[in-house]
N, C-alpha and C. Protein backbone atom coordinates (compact mmCIF):
# COMPACT_ATOMS: atom_id res chain seq x y z
N MET A 1 0.94 -1.09 0.19
CA MET A 1 -0.16 0.50 0.14
C MET A 1 1.13 1.19 -0.14
N LEU A 2 0.36 2.36 -1.22
CA LEU A 2 1.37 3.53 -1.20
C LEU A 2 0.01 4.50 -0.13
N CYS A 3 1.05 5.67 0.47
CA CYS A 3 0.76 6.71 0.92
C CYS A 3 1.33 7.67 0.86
N LYS A 4 1.26 8.47 -0.16
CA LYS A 4 2.05 9.82 -0.83
C LYS A 4 2.68 10.33 0.14
N THR A 5 1.78 11.27 1.13
CA THR A 5 2.78 12.26 1.90
C THR A 5 2.58 11.12 3.06
N ALA A 6 3.06 11.39 4.50
CA ALA A 6 3.41 11.36 5.50
C ALA A 6 1.73 12.40 6.26
N LYS A 7 1.52 13.24 5.20
CA LYS A 7 0.26 14.09 5.92
C LYS A 7 -0.60 14.17 5.41
N SER A 8 -0.62 12.79 4.32
CA SER A 8 -2.24 12.76 3.94
C SER A 8 -3.12 12.56 4.54
N SER A 9 -4.70 12.83 4.22
CA SER A 9 -5.78 12.80 5.46
C SER A 9 -6.04 11.18 5.21
N PHE A 10 -7.74 10.58 5.75
CA PHE A 10 -8.21 9.83 6.34
C PHE A 10 -8.69 9.50 4.55
N GLY A 11 -9.01 10.42 4.02
CA GLY A 11 -10.09 10.57 3.09
C GLY A 11 -8.71 9.79 1.79
N GLN A 12 -7.90 10.43 1.07
CA GLN A 12 -6.74 10.02 0.87
C GLN A 12 -6.47 8.83 0.85
N ARG A 13 -6.55 8.54 1.86
CA ARG A 13 -5.82 7.16 2.56
C ARG A 13 -7.11 5.91 1.99
N LEU A 14 -7.19 6.33 2.09
CA LEU A 14 -9.06 5.92 2.19
C LEU A 14 -8.77 5.27 0.80
N LYS A 15 -9.30 6.40 -0.12
CA LYS A 15 -9.93 6.14 -1.48
C LYS A 15 -8.15 5.51 -2.27
N GLU A 16 -6.96 5.74 -1.53
CA GLU A 16 -5.84 5.18 -2.45
C GLU A 16 -5.78 3.36 -2.25
N ALA A 17 -6.33 3.19 -0.87
CA ALA A 17 -6.30 1.96 -0.21
C ALA A 17 -7.17 1.36 -1.30
N ARG A 18 -8.42 2.18 -1.70
CA ARG A 18 -9.85 1.31 -2.47
C ARG A 18 -8.83 1.33 -3.54
N GLU A 19 -8.64 2.46 -4.01
CA GLU A 19 -8.25 2.22 -5.75
C GLU A 19 -7.23 1.33 -6.18
N ALA A 20 -6.62 0.96 -4.99
CA ALA A 20 -5.27 -0.03 -5.05
C ALA A 20 -6.18 -1.91 -5.19
N LYS A 21 -7.17 -1.73 -4.47
CA LYS A 21 -7.76 -2.89 -4.54
C LYS A 21 -8.52 -2.90 -5.81
N GLY A 22 -8.69 -2.29 -6.61
CA GLY A 22 -9.33 -2.31 -7.98
C GLY A 22 -10.88 -2.29 -7.86
N LEU A 23 -11.16 -1.20 -6.47
CA LEU A 23 -12.53 -1.29 -6.21
C LEU A 23 -13.07 0.17 -6.68
N THR A 24 -14.35 0.43 -7.13
CA THR A 24 -15.20 1.40 -7.57
C THR A 24 -15.82 1.90 -5.78
N LYS A 25 -16.10 2.47 -6.07
CA LYS A 25 -16.77 3.32 -4.43
C LYS A 25 -18.30 2.68 -4.61
N GLU A 26 -18.75 2.19 -5.80
CA GLU A 26 -19.92 1.25 -5.71
C GLU A 26 -19.97 -0.28 -5.38
N LYS A 27 -18.66 -0.77 -5.75
CA LYS A 27 -18.02 -2.06 -5.30
C LYS A 27 -17.77 -1.97 -4.41
N PHE A 28 -16.78 -1.17 -3.29
CA PHE A 28 -16.56 -1.13 -2.23
C PHE A 28 -18.02 -1.03 -1.17
N GLY A 29 -18.26 0.15 -1.67
CA GLY A 29 -19.99 0.08 -0.72
C GLY A 29 -20.47 -1.31 -0.71
N LYS A 30 -20.65 -2.14 -1.72
CA LYS A 30 -21.47 -3.02 -1.19
C LYS A 30 -20.65 -4.11 -0.82
N LEU A 31 -19.47 -4.23 -0.89
CA LEU A 31 -18.45 -5.18 -0.06
C LEU A 31 -18.74 -4.85 1.44
N VAL A 32 -18.48 -3.50 1.57
CA VAL A 32 -18.44 -2.60 2.94
C VAL A 32 -20.60 -3.21 3.77
N LYS A 33 -20.92 -2.97 3.18
CA LYS A 33 -22.14 -2.70 3.57
C LYS A 33 -22.60 -1.19 3.76
N ILE A 34 -21.90 0.20 3.41
CA ILE A 34 -22.12 1.27 3.21
C ILE A 34 -22.38 1.78 1.49
N HIS A 35 -23.32 2.58 1.88
CA HIS A 35 -23.99 3.30 0.66
C HIS A 35 -22.88 4.10 -0.32
N TYR A 36 -22.26 4.16 -1.66
CA TYR A 36 -21.29 4.54 -2.16
C TYR A 36 -21.41 6.26 -2.00
N SER A 37 -22.42 6.91 -1.28
CA SER A 37 -22.34 7.72 -1.71
C SER A 37 -21.62 8.47 -0.29
N GLN A 38 -22.34 7.91 0.93
CA GLN A 38 -20.89 7.91 2.09
C GLN A 38 -19.63 7.35 1.94
N ILE A 39 -19.65 6.37 1.11
CA ILE A 39 -17.58 6.03 0.80
C ILE A 39 -17.31 7.58 0.07
N GLY A 40 -17.69 8.31 -0.46
CA GLY A 40 -17.31 9.75 -1.12
C GLY A 40 -17.15 10.12 -0.19
N ARG A 41 -18.27 10.54 0.60
CA ARG A 41 -17.98 11.45 1.64
C ARG A 41 -17.10 11.36 2.84
N TYR A 42 -16.68 10.52 2.94
CA TYR A 42 -15.35 10.31 4.01
C TYR A 42 -13.81 10.38 2.54
N GLU A 43 -14.14 10.14 2.06
CA GLU A 43 -13.13 10.28 0.68
C GLU A 43 -12.49 11.16 0.72
N ARG A 44 -13.73 12.67 0.85
CA ARG A 44 -13.38 13.76 0.55
C ARG A 44 -13.29 14.57 2.22
N ASN A 45 -13.64 13.81 3.26
CA ASN A 45 -13.23 14.24 4.42
C ASN A 45 -14.77 14.97 5.07
N GLU A 46 -15.50 14.55 4.47
CA GLU A 46 -16.29 15.34 5.03
C GLU A 46 -17.74 14.84 5.77
N ALA A 47 -17.32 13.41 5.97
CA ALA A 47 -17.47 12.76 7.20
C ALA A 47 -16.67 11.56 7.94
N SER A 48 -17.00 11.32 9.59
CA SER A 48 -16.00 10.00 9.69
C SER A 48 -17.08 9.27 10.01
N PRO A 49 -16.27 8.34 9.78
CA PRO A 49 -16.68 6.77 9.90
C PRO A 49 -16.76 6.82 11.49
N SER A 50 -17.84 5.36 11.79
CA SER A 50 -17.60 4.77 12.92
C SER A 50 -16.70 4.61 13.02
N ALA A 51 -16.83 3.36 14.51
CA ALA A 51 -15.80 2.82 14.96
C ALA A 51 -16.56 1.18 13.80
N ASP A 52 -17.11 0.46 13.57
CA ASP A 52 -17.63 -0.02 13.14
C ASP A 52 -17.19 -0.17 11.70
N ALA A 53 -17.77 1.09 11.18
CA ALA A 53 -17.74 1.37 9.59
C ALA A 53 -15.86 1.48 9.32
N LEU A 54 -15.54 1.82 10.23
CA LEU A 54 -13.85 2.20 9.92
C LEU A 54 -13.57 0.34 9.83
N ARG A 55 -13.88 -0.65 10.85
CA ARG A 55 -13.08 -2.01 11.11
C ARG A 55 -13.72 -2.54 9.48
N LYS A 56 -15.32 -2.34 9.27
CA LYS A 56 -15.19 -2.85 7.89
C LYS A 56 -14.64 -2.43 6.36
N MET A 57 -14.33 -1.52 7.05
CA MET A 57 -13.52 -0.68 5.74
C MET A 57 -12.10 -1.47 5.57
N ALA A 58 -11.30 -0.62 6.49
CA ALA A 58 -9.85 -1.93 7.14
C ALA A 58 -9.87 -3.15 6.51
N ASN A 59 -10.67 -3.79 6.80
CA ASN A 59 -10.76 -5.37 6.89
C ASN A 59 -10.82 -5.68 4.83
N ALA A 60 -11.77 -4.97 4.68
CA ALA A 60 -11.72 -4.87 3.35
C ALA A 60 -10.95 -4.68 2.27
N LEU A 61 -9.59 -3.69 2.98
CA LEU A 61 -8.91 -3.17 1.73
C LEU A 61 -7.59 -4.04 2.56
N ASP A 62 -7.65 -5.05 3.26
CA ASP A 62 -6.08 -5.31 4.26
C ASP A 62 -5.71 -4.40 4.34
N VAL A 63 -5.94 -3.71 5.17
CA VAL A 63 -5.25 -2.95 6.00
C VAL A 63 -5.62 -2.23 7.54
N SER A 64 -4.63 -1.89 8.37
CA SER A 64 -5.40 -1.30 9.68
C SER A 64 -6.01 -1.06 9.71
N THR A 65 -6.95 -0.53 10.61
CA THR A 65 -7.40 0.76 11.24
C THR A 65 -6.55 2.01 11.24
N ASP A 66 -5.62 1.68 12.17
CA ASP A 66 -4.61 2.56 12.66
C ASP A 66 -4.13 3.16 11.18
N TYR A 67 -3.71 2.41 10.25
CA TYR A 67 -3.22 3.20 8.91
C TYR A 67 -4.55 3.95 8.38
N LEU A 68 -5.75 3.62 8.50
CA LEU A 68 -6.72 4.32 7.12
C LEU A 68 -6.63 5.88 8.42
N MET A 69 -6.82 5.54 9.80
CA MET A 69 -6.75 7.09 10.11
C MET A 69 -5.82 7.83 10.53
N ASN A 70 -4.60 7.09 10.45
CA ASN A 70 -3.23 8.13 11.03
C ASN A 70 -2.38 8.00 10.26
N GLY A 71 -2.71 6.60 9.41
CA GLY A 71 -1.75 6.37 8.36
C GLY A 71 -0.34 5.55 8.72
N TYR A 72 -0.32 4.91 10.22
CA TYR A 72 0.99 4.36 9.90
C TYR A 72 0.17 2.92 10.20
N TYR A 73 1.41 2.28 10.03
CA TYR A 73 1.02 0.33 9.52
C TYR A 73 1.21 -0.06 10.92
N ARG A 74 0.89 -1.24 10.66
CA ARG A 74 1.19 -2.19 12.16
C ARG A 74 2.07 -2.40 12.39
């Protein structure tokens, strides 16, 4: 997983991880049972996910929740 900068935002990391898996917002949303428009809000940093949503997204993308939130790998 590539993170372009250490200062990237949650939304940027989420989008990069999703795209690295070859998933559209629609396909990713179906996979994690979150509407694709909400995924878009997360990626634009207009909303923050619940702990449960964060866990589902991290698991589906094979990254840690800490990576998505803070940019740190396990």
